[in-house]
Amino acid sequence: MVNASGAESTVVGVGKKEYNESSIDADFWREVFNAEVVAGPPKRIGEGQVGMNLRYALESSDPSVPSSVVVKMASTDPTSRATGISLRNYEREVKFYNELVNTLDVRSPKCWFADWHEDGGDIAIVLEDMAPCEQGDQIRACGIEHARLAVDQLVKMQGPRWKDESLASIDWLQRRDAGDVDRLSGLLAMVKPGFLAVYEEIIRSEIGTEGIEFVEVMANNIEGYVLGKGEAFSVTHGDFRLDNLLYATEHGGVPCAVVDWQTPGHGNGIADLAYFIGAGLLPDDRRRYEWELVDQYIRGIESYGHDIDADWVKFHYKREAISGVIMAVIASQIVGRTDRGDKMFEVMATRHIQQGLENGALSLL
């Protein structure tokens, strides 16, 4: 299928099928590729908290069928699956590939098929296998070259539809507004004790008492945070971090690609920038390079013909360190726990708290 821009569009499912590993059979591949396909056994890749990624080797006499693909499905962990359904993560990712990705310049995997079961919440998304690219590592962090590539992709995501008023008509995009204040405050109040039970000791050890005070003050001032975001003006990723970026290796691959589109939104795009920089770099590197990366972002958005107030961007960058702390507090408590997940949320929390303290985020609420 080809859309108006000349790019291939995704085969859209009927919204009534249930998807699990046993349903990925010959009939499924025939629907996706309109060809006879023989698939090898699936191999689990990555450690997605909410989604499950399976790699399939494919064989077909049709040369248009790729030799391998990745199929993204709902998590098999009951807690993570319930989160993905209730927060509409699965629905949004399918609709992102079906309706939005071809209007952006961001490099994301080609999508051959995307379907969401409206009642059960199951999904099946057939994506380009980006190997030999490798996933970034949120725990290890990245150097400045990978950070620059990430900011370039962020610009290519946001620049094409910056201040595009038609985004407001896309009802499935996430948005923050006054109605979120009570919901977000209530959610934080519910999960904060569990978060502190796991992470308070390490926050005190790495940052001190002021780190715990940051979390408490933030949680008590959600209204100022939400309302201070202002009007929505760009496409947002919602979880723009290293674990959701793929990078070329010595064996090849594209320089940088963005994956995991479960939380796309219409909002303040500076949050994505602060979220990536705050936890994607080690604190010393963040202090050294953060304003260089912010300036890169400003120039990139300007290259799309938009007038940008640099001071306005930097103001929102400073306060949006809070977005990473909110994510760490909430997400750590609503997905299934793993050893790596615990460590990831630890570094997310401590790095964003440091970022927020050093940039005076709470004073800007």
Protein backbone atom coordinates (compact mmCIF):
# COMPACT_ATOMS: atom_id res chain seq x y z
CA MET A 1 0.00 0.00 0.00
CA VAL A 2 1.27 3.52 -0.78
CA ASN A 3 0.13 6.73 0.86
CA ALA A 4 -0.18 10.17 -0.66
CA SER A 5 3.44 11.06 0.06
CA GLY A 6 4.68 8.03 -1.86
CA ALA A 7 5.80 6.15 1.25
CA GLU A 8 4.61 2.65 1.93
CA SER A 9 1.72 2.53 4.38
CA THR A 10 0.95 -0.17 6.90
CA VAL A 11 -1.51 -3.01 6.42
CA VAL A 12 -4.20 -2.25 8.98
CA GLY A 13 -5.85 -5.12 10.84
CA VAL A 14 -9.56 -5.43 11.49
CA GLY A 15 -9.43 -4.71 15.23
CA LYS A 16 -11.24 -7.91 16.18
CA LYS A 17 -8.49 -10.54 16.28
CA GLU A 18 -6.75 -11.87 19.36
CA TYR A 19 -2.99 -12.11 19.07
CA ASN A 20 -0.53 -14.36 20.88
CA GLU A 21 2.46 -16.41 19.78
CA SER A 22 0.30 -19.29 18.55
CA SER A 23 -1.67 -16.95 16.28
CA ILE A 24 1.47 -15.92 14.38
CA ASP A 25 1.05 -18.67 11.80
CA ALA A 26 1.02 -19.11 8.03
CA ASP A 27 -2.35 -17.36 7.70
CA PHE A 28 -1.02 -14.39 9.64
CA TRP A 29 2.03 -14.02 7.40
CA ARG A 30 -0.14 -14.39 4.31
CA GLU A 31 -2.32 -11.50 5.52
CA VAL A 32 0.72 -9.32 6.22
CA PHE A 33 2.69 -9.91 3.02
CA ASN A 34 0.07 -11.27 0.60
CA ALA A 35 2.49 -14.11 -0.08
CA GLU A 36 3.35 -17.58 1.16
CA VAL A 37 5.85 -17.30 4.00
CA VAL A 38 7.67 -19.88 6.12
CA ALA A 39 8.73 -18.51 9.49
CA GLY A 40 11.28 -19.91 11.90
CA PRO A 41 10.66 -20.12 15.66
CA PRO A 42 10.40 -16.78 17.47
CA LYS A 43 13.31 -15.45 19.50
CA ARG A 44 12.66 -13.01 22.33
CA ILE A 45 14.68 -9.80 22.06
CA GLY A 46 15.03 -6.99 24.57
CA GLU A 47 13.45 -6.70 27.98
CA GLY A 48 10.50 -4.44 27.29
CA GLN A 49 8.56 -3.56 30.42
CA VAL A 50 5.16 -3.26 28.70
CA GLY A 51 5.64 -4.89 25.29
CA MET A 52 7.14 -8.16 24.08
CA ASN A 53 9.38 -8.25 20.99
CA LEU A 54 9.90 -11.43 18.97
CA ARG A 55 12.29 -11.87 16.03
CA TYR A 56 11.22 -14.20 13.21
CA ALA A 57 13.40 -15.44 10.35
CA LEU A 58 11.30 -15.60 7.17
CA GLU A 59 11.57 -17.44 3.87
CA SER A 60 9.47 -16.76 0.80
CA SER A 61 9.65 -16.97 -2.98
CA ASP A 62 8.39 -13.39 -3.04
CA PRO A 63 11.48 -11.12 -3.07
CA SER A 64 9.54 -8.31 -1.33
CA VAL A 65 9.29 -10.38 1.87
CA PRO A 66 12.15 -9.50 4.24
CA SER A 67 14.45 -12.21 5.59
CA SER A 68 13.55 -11.32 9.18
CA VAL A 69 11.12 -9.11 11.08
CA VAL A 70 10.31 -8.17 14.65
CA VAL A 71 6.77 -8.70 15.90
CA LYS A 72 5.72 -6.59 18.84
CA MET A 73 2.98 -8.00 21.06
CA ALA A 74 1.41 -7.31 24.45
CA SER A 75 3.43 -8.28 27.51
CA THR A 76 2.87 -11.70 29.02
CA ASP A 77 3.39 -10.24 32.51
CA PRO A 78 -0.09 -9.64 33.99
CA THR A 79 0.84 -6.37 35.70
CA SER A 80 2.59 -4.94 32.65
CA ARG A 81 -0.17 -6.11 30.34
CA ALA A 82 -2.86 -4.49 32.50
CA THR A 83 -0.85 -1.27 32.46
CA GLY A 84 -0.50 -1.37 28.68
CA ILE A 85 -4.25 -1.81 28.25
CA SER A 86 -5.44 0.68 30.87
CA LEU A 87 -3.06 3.44 29.74
CA ARG A 88 -3.88 2.75 26.06
CA ASN A 89 -0.20 2.07 25.29
CA TYR A 90 -0.99 -0.77 22.91
CA GLU A 91 -3.74 1.10 21.11
CA ARG A 92 -1.57 4.20 20.69
CA GLU A 93 1.39 2.34 19.24
CA VAL A 94 -0.77 0.65 16.61
CA LYS A 95 -2.41 3.95 15.69
CA PHE A 96 0.95 5.73 15.58
CA TYR A 97 2.17 3.36 12.88
CA ASN A 98 -1.15 3.35 11.06
CA GLU A 99 -1.85 7.08 11.10
CA LEU A 100 1.05 9.31 12.12
CA VAL A 101 4.55 8.02 11.44
CA ASN A 102 4.51 8.77 7.71
CA THR A 103 3.91 12.47 8.44
CA LEU A 104 7.18 12.76 10.39
CA ASP A 105 10.86 12.62 9.37
CA VAL A 106 12.00 10.53 12.32
CA ARG A 107 13.77 7.27 11.50
CA SER A 108 11.67 4.50 12.96
CA PRO A 109 11.34 0.87 11.84
CA LYS A 110 9.31 0.27 8.71
CA CYS A 111 5.95 -1.22 9.67
CA TRP A 112 4.23 -3.85 7.52
CA PHE A 113 1.24 -4.54 9.75
CA ALA A 114 -0.34 -3.12 12.89
CA ASP A 115 -3.53 -4.28 14.60
CA TRP A 116 -5.06 -3.83 18.02
CA HIS A 117 -7.83 -5.99 19.46
CA GLU A 118 -10.35 -3.44 20.68
CA ASP A 119 -11.87 -5.65 23.38
CA GLY A 120 -9.00 -7.82 24.62
CA GLY A 121 -6.17 -5.34 24.13
CA ASP A 122 -3.90 -7.71 22.16
CA ILE A 123 -1.65 -6.24 19.49
CA ALA A 124 0.51 -7.46 16.64
CA ILE A 125 2.89 -5.03 14.96
CA VAL A 126 5.25 -6.35 12.28
CA LEU A 127 8.35 -4.20 12.11
CA GLU A 128 11.59 -3.94 10.22
CA ASP A 129 14.38 -5.88 11.88
CA MET A 130 16.92 -3.15 12.63
CA ALA A 131 19.83 -5.56 13.23
CA PRO A 132 22.78 -5.09 13.35
CA CYS A 133 21.77 -1.92 15.21
CA GLU A 134 21.91 -2.26 18.97
CA GLN A 135 19.69 -0.82 21.66
CA GLY A 136 21.00 2.01 23.78
CA ASP A 137 21.58 1.28 27.45
CA GLN A 138 19.85 3.57 29.93
CA ILE A 139 21.91 2.23 32.80
CA ARG A 140 25.31 2.60 31.16
CA ALA A 141 24.34 5.95 29.52
CA CYS A 142 25.87 7.25 26.29
CA GLY A 143 28.57 9.57 25.05
CA ILE A 144 28.10 12.89 23.33
CA GLU A 145 28.10 11.51 19.77
CA HIS A 146 25.16 9.20 20.44
CA ALA A 147 23.44 12.02 22.31
CA ARG A 148 23.77 14.31 19.28
CA LEU A 149 22.26 11.63 17.05
CA ALA A 150 19.35 11.26 19.45
CA VAL A 151 18.64 14.99 19.52
CA ASP A 152 18.74 15.02 15.72
CA GLN A 153 16.03 12.35 15.64
CA LEU A 154 13.99 14.26 18.21
CA VAL A 155 14.08 17.29 15.91
CA LYS A 156 13.00 15.15 12.97
CA MET A 157 10.07 13.89 15.03
CA GLN A 158 8.90 17.30 16.21
CA GLY A 159 9.95 19.70 13.47
CA PRO A 160 7.59 18.60 10.66
CA ARG A 161 4.42 19.22 12.69
CA TRP A 162 5.58 21.90 15.12
CA LYS A 163 2.57 24.07 16.01
CA ASP A 164 0.42 22.05 13.59
CA GLU A 165 -3.11 22.79 14.79
CA SER A 166 -4.48 19.66 13.10
CA LEU A 167 -2.78 17.53 15.77
CA ALA A 168 -5.55 18.59 18.12
CA SER A 169 -8.00 16.47 16.10
CA ILE A 170 -6.06 13.23 16.76
CA ASP A 171 -7.99 12.05 19.79
CA TRP A 172 -5.74 9.13 20.75
CA LEU A 173 -2.62 11.27 21.34
CA GLN A 174 -1.78 11.81 25.01
CA ARG A 175 -2.25 15.31 26.41
CA ARG A 176 -1.67 16.99 29.74
CA ASP A 177 -4.30 19.52 30.81
CA ALA A 178 -6.01 20.85 33.92
CA GLY A 179 -8.03 17.65 34.17
CA ASP A 180 -4.83 15.70 34.76
CA VAL A 181 -3.92 17.55 37.95
CA ASP A 182 -6.14 15.55 40.30
CA ARG A 183 -5.48 12.25 38.50
CA LEU A 184 -1.72 12.68 38.49
CA SER A 185 -1.65 13.94 42.09
CA GLY A 186 -3.72 10.99 43.23
CA LEU A 187 -1.57 8.50 41.35
CA LEU A 188 1.62 9.93 42.79
CA ALA A 189 0.18 9.83 46.30
CA MET A 190 -0.70 6.18 45.79
CA VAL A 191 2.63 4.97 44.37
CA LYS A 192 5.14 7.26 46.12
CA PRO A 193 5.35 5.15 49.31
CA GLY A 194 6.21 2.05 47.28
CA PHE A 195 8.78 3.98 45.25
CA LEU A 196 10.47 5.34 48.37
CA ALA A 197 10.46 1.92 50.00
CA VAL A 198 12.67 0.68 47.17
CA TYR A 199 14.72 3.76 46.24
CA GLU A 200 14.93 6.11 49.24
CA GLU A 201 18.17 4.64 50.54
CA ILE A 202 20.02 4.97 47.23
CA ILE A 203 18.69 8.51 46.69
CA ARG A 204 19.92 9.53 50.14
CA SER A 205 23.26 7.84 49.50
CA GLU A 206 23.89 9.45 46.10
CA ILE A 207 22.22 12.84 46.55
CA GLY A 208 21.36 13.37 50.20
CA THR A 209 18.26 14.52 52.02
CA GLU A 210 17.59 17.15 49.36
CA GLY A 211 16.90 14.35 46.89
CA ILE A 212 14.02 13.02 49.00
CA GLU A 213 12.80 16.57 49.57
CA PHE A 214 12.75 17.10 45.80
CA VAL A 215 10.41 14.12 45.37
CA GLU A 216 8.11 15.27 48.16
CA VAL A 217 7.90 18.89 46.98
CA MET A 218 7.37 17.81 43.39
CA ALA A 219 4.52 15.49 44.35
CA ASN A 220 2.84 18.31 46.28
CA ASN A 221 3.09 20.79 43.40
CA ILE A 222 1.74 18.85 40.44
CA GLU A 223 -0.75 21.58 39.58
CA GLY A 224 2.05 24.06 38.93
CA TYR A 225 3.93 21.51 36.85
CA VAL A 226 1.00 20.50 34.65
CA LEU A 227 -0.43 23.97 34.09
CA GLY A 228 3.02 25.45 33.47
CA LYS A 229 3.48 23.30 30.39
CA GLY A 230 1.30 25.69 28.40
CA GLU A 231 -0.47 24.90 25.15
CA ALA A 232 0.37 21.73 23.24
CA PHE A 233 2.57 22.48 20.24
CA SER A 234 4.35 19.35 19.00
CA VAL A 235 4.29 15.60 18.62
CA THR A 236 5.90 14.02 21.67
CA HIS A 237 7.33 10.54 22.16
CA GLY A 238 6.63 10.35 25.88
CA ASP A 239 9.48 7.94 26.68
CA PHE A 240 12.38 9.28 24.63
CA ARG A 241 15.34 7.57 26.28
CA LEU A 242 18.28 5.34 25.40
CA ASP A 243 16.46 2.04 25.81
CA ASN A 244 14.10 3.20 23.04
CA LEU A 245 16.87 4.17 20.62
CA LEU A 246 18.82 1.92 18.27
CA TYR A 247 22.33 2.73 17.10
CA ALA A 248 24.63 1.47 14.35
CA THR A 249 27.39 -0.94 15.34
CA GLU A 250 30.70 -1.88 13.75
CA HIS A 251 28.69 -4.33 11.67
CA GLY A 252 26.46 -1.64 10.17
CA GLY A 253 22.94 -0.34 10.61
CA VAL A 254 21.35 3.10 10.51
CA PRO A 255 23.02 5.76 12.68
CA CYS A 256 20.02 6.11 15.00
CA ALA A 257 16.40 4.95 15.02
CA VAL A 258 13.56 5.53 17.47
CA VAL A 259 11.33 2.70 18.69
CA ASP A 260 8.65 2.00 21.32
CA TRP A 261 5.87 4.37 20.30
CA GLN A 262 3.50 3.40 23.11
CA THR A 263 3.15 6.89 24.58
CA PRO A 264 2.95 9.37 21.68
CA GLY A 265 1.37 12.66 22.57
CA HIS A 266 0.54 16.21 21.61
CA GLY A 267 2.19 18.49 24.10
CA ASN A 268 5.28 20.37 25.21
CA GLY A 269 8.07 18.81 23.19
CA ILE A 270 10.79 20.21 25.45
CA ALA A 271 9.88 17.46 27.93
CA ASP A 272 11.29 14.84 25.54
CA LEU A 273 14.53 16.79 25.29
CA ALA A 274 14.99 17.18 29.05
CA TYR A 275 14.00 13.56 29.64
CA PHE A 276 16.61 12.25 27.22
CA ILE A 277 19.47 14.48 28.33
CA GLY A 278 18.79 14.09 32.04
CA ALA A 279 19.15 10.33 32.23
CA GLY A 280 20.78 9.48 28.89
CA LEU A 281 24.10 10.98 29.92
CA LEU A 282 26.04 10.41 33.12
CA PRO A 283 25.72 13.44 35.42
CA ASP A 284 29.21 14.80 34.68
CA ASP A 285 28.62 14.52 30.92
CA ARG A 286 25.18 16.05 31.27
CA ARG A 287 26.65 19.05 33.07
CA ARG A 288 29.29 19.42 30.37
CA TYR A 289 27.08 19.03 27.30
CA GLU A 290 23.44 19.77 28.17
CA TRP A 291 23.36 23.36 26.86
CA GLU A 292 25.22 22.36 23.70
CA LEU A 293 22.50 19.76 23.09
CA VAL A 294 19.72 22.25 23.87
CA ASP A 295 21.23 24.67 21.35
CA GLN A 296 21.41 21.84 18.79
CA TYR A 297 17.71 21.20 19.34
CA ILE A 298 16.84 24.88 18.89
CA ARG A 299 18.80 25.11 15.62
CA GLY A 300 17.17 21.93 14.39
CA ILE A 301 13.62 23.15 14.99
CA GLU A 302 14.54 26.47 13.37
CA SER A 303 15.77 24.59 10.29
CA TYR A 304 12.13 23.61 9.69
CA GLY A 305 11.28 27.29 9.33
CA HIS A 306 10.00 27.91 12.85
CA ASP A 307 10.85 30.95 14.97
CA ILE A 308 12.10 29.80 18.37
CA ASP A 309 12.66 31.83 21.52
CA ALA A 310 15.82 30.26 22.93
CA ASP A 311 15.18 31.57 26.45
CA TRP A 312 11.69 30.03 26.38
CA VAL A 313 13.14 26.64 25.38
CA LYS A 314 15.76 26.81 28.13
CA PHE A 315 13.17 27.78 30.74
CA HIS A 316 11.06 24.74 29.90
CA TYR A 317 14.14 22.51 29.68
CA LYS A 318 15.03 23.38 33.27
CA ARG A 319 11.56 22.69 34.69
CA GLU A 320 11.01 19.53 32.64
CA ALA A 321 13.64 17.64 34.61
CA ILE A 322 10.57 16.96 36.74
CA SER A 323 9.09 14.81 33.97
CA GLY A 324 11.81 12.21 34.45
CA VAL A 325 11.27 12.04 38.20
CA ILE A 326 7.52 11.61 37.71
CA MET A 327 8.16 8.80 35.24
CA ALA A 328 10.54 7.02 37.62
CA VAL A 329 8.16 7.25 40.58
CA ILE A 330 5.07 6.08 38.70
CA ALA A 331 6.41 3.65 36.11
CA SER A 332 8.55 1.76 38.62
CA GLN A 333 5.38 0.87 40.53
CA ILE A 334 3.00 -0.10 37.72
CA VAL A 335 5.05 -2.55 35.66
CA GLY A 336 6.35 -5.99 36.49
CA ARG A 337 9.62 -5.82 38.41
CA THR A 338 12.92 -7.16 37.05
CA ASP A 339 16.48 -6.73 38.27
CA ARG A 340 17.36 -4.61 35.28
CA GLY A 341 14.13 -2.65 35.57
CA ASP A 342 14.87 -1.81 39.20
CA LYS A 343 18.33 -0.55 38.27
CA MET A 344 16.98 1.42 35.32
CA PHE A 345 14.43 3.24 37.49
CA GLU A 346 17.14 3.87 40.08
CA VAL A 347 19.40 5.69 37.63
CA MET A 348 16.42 7.46 36.08
CA ALA A 349 15.34 8.80 39.45
CA THR A 350 18.76 9.82 40.74
CA ARG A 351 19.93 11.44 37.50
CA HIS A 352 16.72 13.42 36.99
CA ILE A 353 16.64 14.55 40.60
CA GLN A 354 20.21 15.83 40.20
CA GLN A 355 19.25 17.50 36.92
CA GLY A 356 16.26 19.13 38.57
CA LEU A 357 18.17 20.33 41.61
CA GLU A 358 21.01 21.79 39.57
CA ASN A 359 18.62 23.59 37.19
CA GLY A 360 16.28 24.90 39.88
CA ALA A 361 13.29 23.02 38.43
CA LEU A 362 11.07 23.34 41.52
CA SER A 363 11.50 27.11 41.64
CA LEU A 364 10.00 27.30 38.11
CA LEU A 365 6.69 25.67 39.01
